[in-house]
Amino acid sequence: MYLSRFLSIHALWVTVSSVMQPYPLVWGHYDVCKTQIYTEEGKVWDYMACQPESTDMTKYLKVKLDPPDITCGDPPETFCAMGNPYMCNNECDASTPELAHPPELMFDFEGRHPSTFWQSATWKEYPKPLQVNITLSWSKTIELTDNIVITFESGRPDQMILEKSLDYGRTWQPYQYYATDCLDAFHMDPKSVKDLSQHTVLEIICTEEYSTGYMTNSKIIHFEIKDRFAFFAGPWLRNMASLYGQLDTTKKLRDFFTVTDLRIRLLRPAVGEIFVDELHLARYFYAISDIKVHGRCKCNLHATVCVYDNSKLTCECEHNTTGPDCGKCKKNYQGRPWSPGSYLPIPKGTANTCIPSISSIGTNVCDNELLHCQNGGTCHNNVRCLCPAAYTGILCEKLRCEEAGSCGPDSGPGAPPRGSPALLLLAALLGTAGPLGI
């Protein structure tokens, strides 16, 4: 009975696994920063590149609208239904919760019916442009891992720009242009992501794919992250080693998927015709029910945890690094220049751990992680190495006979020869300009 039940469960798992296999997690590796391993010298730490898990980043953002009074309802006004642009008896009233449409409704839980949504004032001041900037800020560098998805409750805008910032909103660059007529709106030929390639993946395009006015079931606008990943990892994102290699070696590619802020610039509402119907201006407005942004804290492959405390995201840095993005070495661990971790070689990557400075050796001479006593020496309370009789030095790295100038060809059994890799590595670790005593 138990065997048959086990076999049934196993068969079900195999079926589910086979169905899910074409859709692997895009960032399924690098979830551990270090692990203990056993070597001839005993138990030591093995360091690996690591990063936080991808998550819904809208939980941590701050939203700002410009102009600040663009939200409908103050004063109350009527607007036309999306399905019937001439049925204009819907009301927006900021003082009544059931009739209010504040900005936070772009990020609340969806699934209820009817949908909750933010809504702008109507285009009652036509022909003055109806334009809105929606800025999403994290006060932290994040890496995008999935498509940005904007769901409109109104018609999708005739003209829109998605922009990004890498310096907390001081400067902005376009991510993608959206229009019903790219040539007329932005003097750009229309393209889609499918027209790009590995060599043009960073090209900023204008697409007409998502600007279709009042068409039924046409509420969603995408900024396609995964399609761009697919140029390197394949259509099912199976060859992640290729993508990781490109992200490692091409800073412009890595920066393309990195942001501190996003800005949605709504430039012209859905008109649906050639001319604006000036007798029914209450049918023209913007309304957004949902914005999805999936990503992770940028921790430079030096952390698996990003904490949200006091309305701020911060990496919990490993590998002796510190800073909001783990972007520098800790005090007393500046024995070599800071470097981000590396995705390569797959699957562990390279940690590029910060190592102790020569100035810190006096307070922490040895440990069981980085500073091992050499040539059979043992670490005593992290303050000194107890060396065998034939050896001396901070880490038992020198032969005693070298100090006296009396070393013979057989001095110090098992001692590394002059200029050996072991001594060269030790010299680099201690930050000296050249090999010790060589």
Protein backbone atom coordinates (compact mmCIF):
# COMPACT_ATOMS: atom_id res chain seq x y z
CA MET A 1 0.00 0.00 0.00
CA TYR A 2 2.71 2.45 1.04
CA LEU A 3 4.88 1.45 -1.90
CA SER A 4 2.07 2.02 -4.40
CA ARG A 5 1.33 5.40 -2.83
CA PHE A 6 5.01 6.35 -3.02
CA LEU A 7 5.18 5.30 -6.67
CA SER A 8 2.08 7.34 -7.45
CA ILE A 9 3.53 10.43 -5.78
CA HIS A 10 6.83 9.88 -7.57
CA ALA A 11 5.07 9.56 -10.92
CA LEU A 12 3.14 12.77 -10.23
CA TRP A 13 6.36 14.60 -9.33
CA VAL A 14 8.08 13.42 -12.51
CA THR A 15 5.10 14.64 -14.56
CA VAL A 16 5.03 18.05 -12.85
CA SER A 17 8.81 18.38 -13.21
CA SER A 18 8.69 17.59 -16.90
CA VAL A 19 5.95 20.13 -17.44
CA MET A 20 7.82 22.83 -15.53
CA GLN A 21 11.22 22.12 -17.07
CA PRO A 22 10.87 24.48 -20.06
CA TYR A 23 10.35 27.33 -17.57
CA PRO A 24 13.40 27.31 -15.27
CA LEU A 25 13.85 30.06 -12.73
CA VAL A 26 15.82 32.78 -14.40
CA TRP A 27 18.10 33.37 -11.41
CA GLY A 28 18.14 29.99 -9.68
CA HIS A 29 21.77 29.92 -8.50
CA TYR A 30 24.03 31.77 -6.08
CA ASP A 31 21.86 31.52 -2.97
CA VAL A 32 24.75 30.66 -0.59
CA CYS A 33 27.73 32.93 0.18
CA LYS A 34 29.93 30.39 1.93
CA THR A 35 30.01 26.82 3.12
CA GLN A 36 32.39 24.84 5.32
CA ILE A 37 34.57 22.22 3.67
CA TYR A 38 37.23 19.86 4.97
CA THR A 39 40.81 20.07 3.70
CA GLU A 40 44.17 18.71 4.81
CA GLU A 41 44.43 21.77 7.05
CA GLY A 42 41.05 21.04 8.67
CA LYS A 43 37.65 22.69 8.38
CA VAL A 44 37.72 25.94 6.37
CA TRP A 45 35.25 28.27 4.65
CA ASP A 46 34.67 27.95 0.93
CA TYR A 47 33.40 31.29 -0.41
CA MET A 48 31.05 31.67 -3.38
CA ALA A 49 29.38 34.44 -5.33
CA CYS A 50 25.87 35.04 -3.97
CA GLN A 51 22.83 37.25 -4.49
CA PRO A 52 19.39 37.86 -2.93
CA GLU A 53 16.29 36.12 -4.23
CA SER A 54 14.20 37.88 -6.87
CA THR A 55 11.00 39.36 -5.44
CA ASP A 56 8.18 41.85 -6.02
CA MET A 57 9.97 45.20 -5.67
CA THR A 58 6.78 47.29 -5.58
CA LYS A 59 6.52 46.44 -1.87
CA TYR A 60 9.51 48.68 -1.20
CA LEU A 61 9.05 51.69 -3.48
CA LYS A 62 7.91 55.26 -2.98
CA VAL A 63 5.67 56.79 -5.66
CA LYS A 64 5.56 60.44 -6.69
CA LEU A 65 3.19 62.08 -9.18
CA ASP A 66 3.92 65.23 -11.14
CA PRO A 67 1.93 67.42 -11.20
CA PRO A 68 1.07 66.48 -7.60
CA ASP A 69 -2.59 67.46 -7.95
CA ILE A 70 -3.21 65.39 -11.10
CA THR A 71 -5.20 62.64 -9.31
CA CYS A 72 -8.94 62.92 -9.91
CA GLY A 73 -11.48 63.71 -7.21
CA ASP A 74 -10.46 67.10 -5.81
CA PRO A 75 -12.79 68.65 -6.76
CA PRO A 76 -15.13 65.74 -7.59
CA GLU A 77 -15.75 65.14 -11.28
CA THR A 78 -17.53 62.72 -13.58
CA PHE A 79 -15.86 60.62 -16.25
CA CYS A 80 -16.88 58.25 -19.01
CA ALA A 81 -16.73 54.48 -18.79
CA MET A 82 -13.98 52.76 -20.80
CA GLY A 83 -16.37 50.31 -22.44
CA ASN A 84 -18.78 53.05 -23.48
CA PRO A 85 -16.99 56.40 -23.91
CA TYR A 86 -20.34 58.22 -24.15
CA MET A 87 -21.70 56.92 -20.82
CA CYS A 88 -20.29 59.66 -18.62
CA ASN A 89 -21.97 59.18 -15.25
CA ASN A 90 -19.05 57.67 -13.28
CA GLU A 91 -17.81 59.78 -10.40
CA CYS A 92 -14.39 60.34 -8.83
CA ASP A 93 -14.46 61.93 -5.37
CA ALA A 94 -11.33 62.00 -3.21
CA SER A 95 -13.37 62.61 -0.05
CA THR A 96 -15.36 59.38 -0.45
CA PRO A 97 -13.27 56.15 -0.09
CA GLU A 98 -15.54 54.17 -2.41
CA LEU A 99 -15.14 56.79 -5.15
CA ALA A 100 -11.48 57.77 -4.59
CA HIS A 101 -8.60 56.62 -6.82
CA PRO A 102 -5.33 57.49 -5.01
CA PRO A 103 -1.84 56.46 -6.31
CA GLU A 104 -1.37 53.58 -3.84
CA LEU A 105 -4.10 51.63 -5.67
CA MET A 106 -1.55 50.99 -8.43
CA PHE A 107 0.29 48.66 -6.06
CA ASP A 108 -2.39 47.00 -3.92
CA PHE A 109 -3.45 43.37 -4.19
CA GLU A 110 -5.35 42.70 -7.41
CA GLY A 111 -7.87 39.93 -7.96
CA ARG A 112 -10.91 41.68 -6.55
CA HIS A 113 -13.75 42.72 -8.80
CA PRO A 114 -14.12 45.46 -9.76
CA SER A 115 -10.41 46.32 -9.93
CA THR A 116 -8.97 49.11 -7.81
CA PHE A 117 -7.00 51.74 -9.70
CA TRP A 118 -5.37 55.15 -9.67
CA GLN A 119 -6.96 57.69 -12.01
CA SER A 120 -5.94 61.11 -13.28
CA ALA A 121 -8.17 64.10 -13.78
CA THR A 122 -9.90 64.23 -17.16
CA TRP A 123 -8.71 66.22 -20.16
CA LYS A 124 -11.03 69.13 -19.40
CA GLU A 125 -8.30 71.68 -20.17
CA TYR A 126 -7.84 70.51 -23.77
CA PRO A 127 -5.98 71.59 -25.95
CA LYS A 128 -3.45 72.00 -23.13
CA PRO A 129 -1.59 68.61 -23.00
CA LEU A 130 -2.69 66.11 -20.36
CA GLN A 131 0.65 64.79 -19.13
CA VAL A 132 1.67 62.92 -15.97
CA ASN A 133 5.01 61.71 -14.60
CA ILE A 134 4.81 58.68 -12.25
CA THR A 135 8.16 58.18 -10.49
CA LEU A 136 8.97 54.94 -8.64
CA SER A 137 11.94 55.24 -6.27
CA TRP A 138 13.74 52.62 -4.17
CA SER A 139 16.62 54.66 -2.67
CA LYS A 140 18.63 51.55 -3.51
CA THR A 141 20.18 50.06 -6.62
CA ILE A 142 18.12 47.10 -7.85
CA GLU A 143 18.55 44.59 -10.67
CA LEU A 144 15.50 43.81 -12.80
CA THR A 145 14.82 40.09 -13.30
CA ASP A 146 11.43 39.99 -15.03
CA ASN A 147 9.25 42.07 -17.34
CA ILE A 148 7.91 45.41 -16.12
CA VAL A 149 4.13 45.16 -16.55
CA ILE A 150 1.72 48.13 -16.39
CA THR A 151 -2.02 47.40 -16.45
CA PHE A 152 -4.29 50.25 -17.51
CA GLU A 153 -7.91 50.54 -16.48
CA SER A 154 -8.37 53.24 -19.11
CA GLY A 155 -7.27 52.83 -22.70
CA ARG A 156 -3.52 52.48 -23.10
CA PRO A 157 -1.96 55.89 -23.80
CA ASP A 158 -1.33 57.07 -27.35
CA GLN A 159 2.12 58.27 -26.27
CA MET A 160 4.25 57.16 -23.34
CA ILE A 161 7.93 56.91 -22.35
CA LEU A 162 9.40 54.54 -19.76
CA GLU A 163 12.60 56.01 -18.28
CA LYS A 164 15.23 54.82 -15.81
CA SER A 165 17.72 56.43 -13.47
CA LEU A 166 20.93 54.98 -12.05
CA ASP A 167 21.69 57.92 -9.77
CA TYR A 168 18.56 58.26 -7.62
CA GLY A 169 16.68 60.50 -10.03
CA ARG A 170 19.38 63.09 -10.73
CA THR A 171 19.60 62.07 -14.40
CA TRP A 172 17.26 60.02 -16.60
CA GLN A 173 17.64 57.86 -19.70
CA PRO A 174 14.85 56.46 -21.88
CA TYR A 175 14.15 52.72 -21.55
CA GLN A 176 11.46 52.45 -24.24
CA TYR A 177 9.05 54.64 -26.22
CA TYR A 178 5.40 53.68 -26.79
CA ALA A 179 3.08 55.28 -29.37
CA THR A 180 0.26 54.64 -31.80
CA ASP A 181 2.49 56.33 -34.40
CA CYS A 182 6.19 56.26 -33.48
CA LEU A 183 7.30 58.32 -36.46
CA ASP A 184 4.83 61.10 -35.73
CA ALA A 185 5.27 61.11 -31.94
CA PHE A 186 9.03 60.54 -31.52
CA HIS A 187 10.52 60.60 -35.05
CA MET A 188 11.50 56.95 -34.67
CA ASP A 189 10.76 53.95 -36.84
CA PRO A 190 8.54 51.42 -35.01
CA LYS A 191 10.22 48.26 -33.76
CA SER A 192 9.58 45.41 -31.34
CA VAL A 193 12.01 43.48 -29.14
CA LYS A 194 11.84 40.65 -31.69
CA ASP A 195 13.66 42.96 -34.13
CA LEU A 196 16.68 43.14 -31.81
CA SER A 197 19.65 40.76 -31.45
CA GLN A 198 22.58 40.10 -29.13
CA HIS A 199 24.43 42.98 -30.77
CA THR A 200 21.53 45.48 -30.59
CA VAL A 201 19.91 44.39 -27.31
CA LEU A 202 20.76 47.76 -25.70
CA GLU A 203 19.06 49.75 -28.44
CA ILE A 204 16.30 52.07 -27.27
CA ILE A 205 13.25 51.43 -29.44
CA CYS A 206 9.79 52.85 -30.03
CA THR A 207 7.04 50.24 -30.20
CA GLU A 208 3.47 50.52 -31.46
CA GLU A 209 2.64 47.07 -30.08
CA TYR A 210 1.02 48.35 -26.87
CA SER A 211 -0.77 51.53 -27.94
CA THR A 212 -4.19 50.51 -29.23
CA GLY A 213 -6.62 52.89 -27.54
CA TYR A 214 -9.95 51.34 -26.52
CA MET A 215 -9.52 47.86 -28.00
CA THR A 216 -11.07 45.15 -25.81
CA ASN A 217 -8.64 43.14 -23.60
CA SER A 218 -5.82 45.53 -24.47
CA LYS A 219 -4.91 46.93 -21.09
CA ILE A 220 -1.30 45.78 -20.59
CA ILE A 221 2.03 47.41 -21.49
CA HIS A 222 5.27 45.45 -21.16
CA PHE A 223 8.93 46.33 -20.94
CA GLU A 224 10.42 43.00 -21.99
CA ILE A 225 13.29 41.93 -19.71
CA LYS A 226 13.07 38.18 -20.34
CA ASP A 227 13.02 38.56 -24.11
CA ARG A 228 16.30 40.43 -23.83
CA PHE A 229 17.74 37.73 -21.56
CA ALA A 230 16.72 35.18 -24.18
CA PHE A 231 19.17 36.62 -26.73
CA PHE A 232 21.93 35.11 -24.58
CA ALA A 233 20.22 32.29 -22.65
CA GLY A 234 18.00 30.91 -25.42
CA PRO A 235 14.21 31.08 -25.84
CA TRP A 236 13.52 29.01 -22.70
CA LEU A 237 16.36 30.64 -20.70
CA ARG A 238 18.14 27.30 -20.39
CA ASN A 239 21.66 28.48 -21.18
CA MET A 240 22.10 30.73 -18.17
CA ALA A 241 25.88 30.28 -18.27
CA SER A 242 25.94 32.33 -21.46
CA LEU A 243 23.88 35.12 -19.90
CA TYR A 244 25.95 35.12 -16.70
CA GLY A 245 29.12 35.31 -18.77
CA GLN A 246 27.81 38.34 -20.65
CA LEU A 247 26.68 40.08 -17.45
CA ASP A 248 30.12 39.43 -15.96
CA THR A 249 32.11 40.83 -18.84
CA THR A 250 29.87 43.57 -20.29
CA LYS A 251 29.27 46.44 -17.86
CA LYS A 252 26.86 48.21 -20.23
CA LEU A 253 24.66 45.10 -20.35
CA ARG A 254 24.71 44.74 -16.56
CA ASP A 255 23.87 48.44 -16.12
CA PHE A 256 21.02 48.17 -18.64
CA PHE A 257 19.08 45.92 -16.24
CA THR A 258 20.03 48.02 -13.17
CA VAL A 259 18.01 50.97 -11.81
CA THR A 260 17.50 53.10 -8.74
CA ASP A 261 14.31 54.71 -10.08
CA LEU A 262 11.78 54.24 -12.88
CA ARG A 263 9.64 56.98 -14.40
CA ILE A 264 6.46 56.46 -16.44
CA ARG A 265 5.79 59.53 -18.58
CA LEU A 266 2.20 59.61 -19.80
CA LEU A 267 2.19 62.12 -22.65
CA ARG A 268 -1.14 61.68 -24.45
CA PRO A 269 -4.20 59.67 -23.33
CA ALA A 270 -5.96 57.09 -25.49
CA VAL A 271 -7.94 59.01 -28.10
CA GLY A 272 -8.90 56.16 -30.40
CA GLU A 273 -9.58 58.43 -33.35
CA ILE A 274 -7.72 60.99 -35.41
CA PHE A 275 -9.43 63.93 -33.70
CA VAL A 276 -10.18 64.67 -30.05
CA ASP A 277 -13.93 64.81 -29.32
CA GLU A 278 -14.12 68.21 -27.64
CA LEU A 279 -17.76 67.66 -26.69
CA HIS A 280 -16.88 64.67 -24.52
CA LEU A 281 -13.52 65.50 -22.88
CA ALA A 282 -14.49 63.48 -19.79
CA ARG A 283 -13.71 60.33 -21.78
CA TYR A 284 -9.98 61.15 -21.87
CA PHE A 285 -7.89 60.34 -18.78
CA TYR A 286 -5.29 57.87 -17.47
CA ALA A 287 -6.10 55.02 -15.08
CA ILE A 288 -3.66 52.33 -13.88
CA SER A 289 -4.77 49.33 -11.82
CA ASP A 290 -1.45 47.53 -11.39
CA ILE A 291 2.32 47.93 -11.85
CA LYS A 292 4.62 44.91 -11.53
CA VAL A 293 8.38 45.26 -11.06
CA HIS A 294 10.33 42.12 -10.17
CA GLY A 295 13.98 42.29 -9.23
CA ARG A 296 16.52 42.03 -6.45
CA CYS A 297 18.76 44.29 -4.44
CA LYS A 298 22.08 44.83 -6.16
CA CYS A 299 24.67 43.50 -3.71
CA ASN A 300 27.53 42.92 -6.19
CA LEU A 301 27.31 39.14 -5.58
CA HIS A 302 28.38 39.61 -1.95
CA ALA A 303 25.05 38.95 -0.12
CA THR A 304 22.00 36.72 -0.16
CA VAL A 305 19.87 38.86 2.16
CA CYS A 306 18.50 42.36 1.64
CA VAL A 307 16.66 43.80 4.64
CA TYR A 308 13.94 46.46 4.61
CA ASP A 309 14.23 48.57 7.74
CA ASN A 310 13.13 52.16 8.41
CA SER A 311 11.76 52.36 4.86
CA LYS A 312 15.19 51.52 3.44
CA LEU A 313 16.65 48.50 1.64
CA THR A 314 20.17 47.41 2.61
CA CYS A 315 22.29 44.39 1.69
CA GLU A 316 23.53 42.20 4.56
CA CYS A 317 27.04 41.96 3.19
CA GLU A 318 29.32 38.91 3.33
CA HIS A 319 32.89 38.35 2.09
CA ASN A 320 34.22 41.13 4.40
CA THR A 321 32.42 43.79 2.32
CA THR A 322 30.23 46.66 3.46
CA GLY A 323 28.02 49.49 2.15
CA PRO A 324 24.42 49.61 0.85
CA ASP A 325 25.45 47.59 -2.24
CA CYS A 326 28.42 45.78 -0.59
CA GLY A 327 30.49 48.11 -2.75
CA LYS A 328 33.65 48.39 -0.64
CA CYS A 329 35.84 46.38 1.72
CA LYS A 330 35.36 46.57 5.47
CA LYS A 331 37.85 48.39 7.63
CA ASN A 332 40.97 46.29 8.18
CA TYR A 333 40.06 44.14 5.13
CA GLN A 334 41.63 46.24 2.40
CA GLY A 335 44.56 43.96 1.62
CA ARG A 336 43.61 44.17 -2.05
CA PRO A 337 41.23 46.40 -4.05
CA TRP A 338 37.51 45.69 -3.73
CA SER A 339 35.96 43.77 -6.58
CA PRO A 340 32.40 42.53 -7.26
CA GLY A 341 31.81 38.82 -7.17
CA SER A 342 31.74 36.93 -10.45
CA TYR A 343 29.09 34.53 -11.80
CA LEU A 344 31.86 32.43 -13.31
CA PRO A 345 32.75 29.65 -13.19
CA ILE A 346 29.27 28.14 -13.09
CA PRO A 347 27.69 27.17 -10.69
CA LYS A 348 29.54 28.66 -7.69
CA GLY A 349 31.14 31.71 -9.26
CA THR A 350 34.02 33.56 -7.63
CA ALA A 351 33.54 35.43 -4.36
CA ASN A 352 36.46 37.90 -4.70
CA THR A 353 36.55 38.17 -0.92
CA CYS A 354 38.17 41.17 0.73
CA ILE A 355 41.30 40.13 2.65
CA PRO A 356 42.88 41.63 5.78
CA SER A 357 45.08 44.70 5.50
CA ILE A 358 48.71 44.52 6.61
CA SER A 359 47.87 47.12 9.29
CA SER A 360 45.31 44.79 10.84
CA ILE A 361 47.62 41.81 11.12
CA GLY A 362 48.71 42.80 14.65
CA THR A 363 45.21 42.52 16.05
CA ASN A 364 44.12 39.41 14.14
CA VAL A 365 47.22 37.52 13.13
CA CYS A 366 45.57 34.24 12.18
CA ASP A 367 42.18 32.59 11.90
CA ASN A 368 40.53 29.54 10.40
CA GLU A 369 39.15 31.33 7.36
CA LEU A 370 41.75 33.40 5.54
CA LEU A 371 44.98 33.66 7.55
CA HIS A 372 46.22 30.11 8.05
CA CYS A 373 49.43 29.42 9.96
CA GLN A 374 51.92 27.87 7.54
CA ASN A 375 54.24 24.87 7.71
CA GLY A 376 52.44 23.08 10.52
CA GLY A 377 52.01 26.11 12.79
CA THR A 378 48.88 26.43 14.92
CA CYS A 379 46.79 29.56 15.54
CA HIS A 380 46.69 30.65 19.20
CA ASN A 381 43.70 32.88 20.13
CA ASN A 382 43.90 34.63 16.75
CA VAL A 383 46.88 36.66 17.98
CA ARG A 384 49.91 34.56 17.01
CA CYS A 385 51.04 31.41 15.27
CA LEU A 386 52.86 28.77 17.32
CA CYS A 387 55.55 27.67 14.86
CA PRO A 388 57.56 24.42 14.63
CA ALA A 389 61.19 24.75 15.71
CA ALA A 390 62.50 25.18 12.17
CA TYR A 391 60.17 28.07 11.26
CA THR A 392 59.52 31.66 12.28
CA GLY A 393 57.60 34.72 10.97
CA ILE A 394 54.07 36.04 11.48
CA LEU A 395 52.52 32.98 9.84
CA CYS A 396 55.47 30.60 10.27
CA GLU A 397 56.36 31.40 6.69
CA LYS A 398 60.17 31.72 7.12
CA LEU A 399 62.90 29.23 7.88
CA ARG A 400 64.85 30.20 11.00
CA CYS A 401 68.09 29.46 9.20
CA GLU A 402 67.29 32.20 6.66
CA GLU A 403 67.58 34.87 9.34
CA ALA A 404 70.98 33.53 10.30
CA GLY A 405 72.03 33.06 6.68
CA SER A 406 72.88 29.41 7.35
CA CYS A 407 70.28 27.53 5.31
CA GLY A 408 71.55 24.46 3.53
CA PRO A 409 69.94 22.58 0.63
CA ASP A 410 68.04 20.32 3.02
CA SER A 411 66.99 22.91 5.59
CA GLY A 412 63.48 22.59 6.92
CA PRO A 413 61.96 19.31 5.80
CA GLY A 414 59.04 19.90 3.46
CA ALA A 415 59.75 23.62 3.24
CA PRO A 416 58.68 25.27 0.01
CA PRO A 417 61.55 26.30 -2.24
CA ARG A 418 62.49 29.95 -2.70
CA GLY A 419 60.08 31.79 -4.97
CA SER A 420 57.44 29.08 -4.59
CA PRO A 421 53.73 29.76 -5.22
CA ALA A 422 53.01 29.32 -1.52
CA LEU A 423 55.31 32.16 -0.51
CA LEU A 424 54.18 34.34 -3.39
CA LEU A 425 50.57 33.87 -2.28
CA LEU A 426 51.52 34.70 1.30
CA ALA A 427 53.27 37.86 0.16
CA ALA A 428 50.19 38.96 -1.75
CA LEU A 429 47.98 38.20 1.24
CA LEU A 430 50.09 40.34 3.56
CA GLY A 431 50.14 43.19 1.05
CA THR A 432 53.94 43.33 0.64
CA ALA A 433 55.53 44.66 -2.52
CA GLY A 434 57.47 41.49 -3.18
CA PRO A 435 58.11 37.95 -1.88
CA LEU A 436 59.21 37.69 1.72
CA GLY A 437 62.89 37.19 2.03
CA ILE A 438 63.21 36.04 -1.58
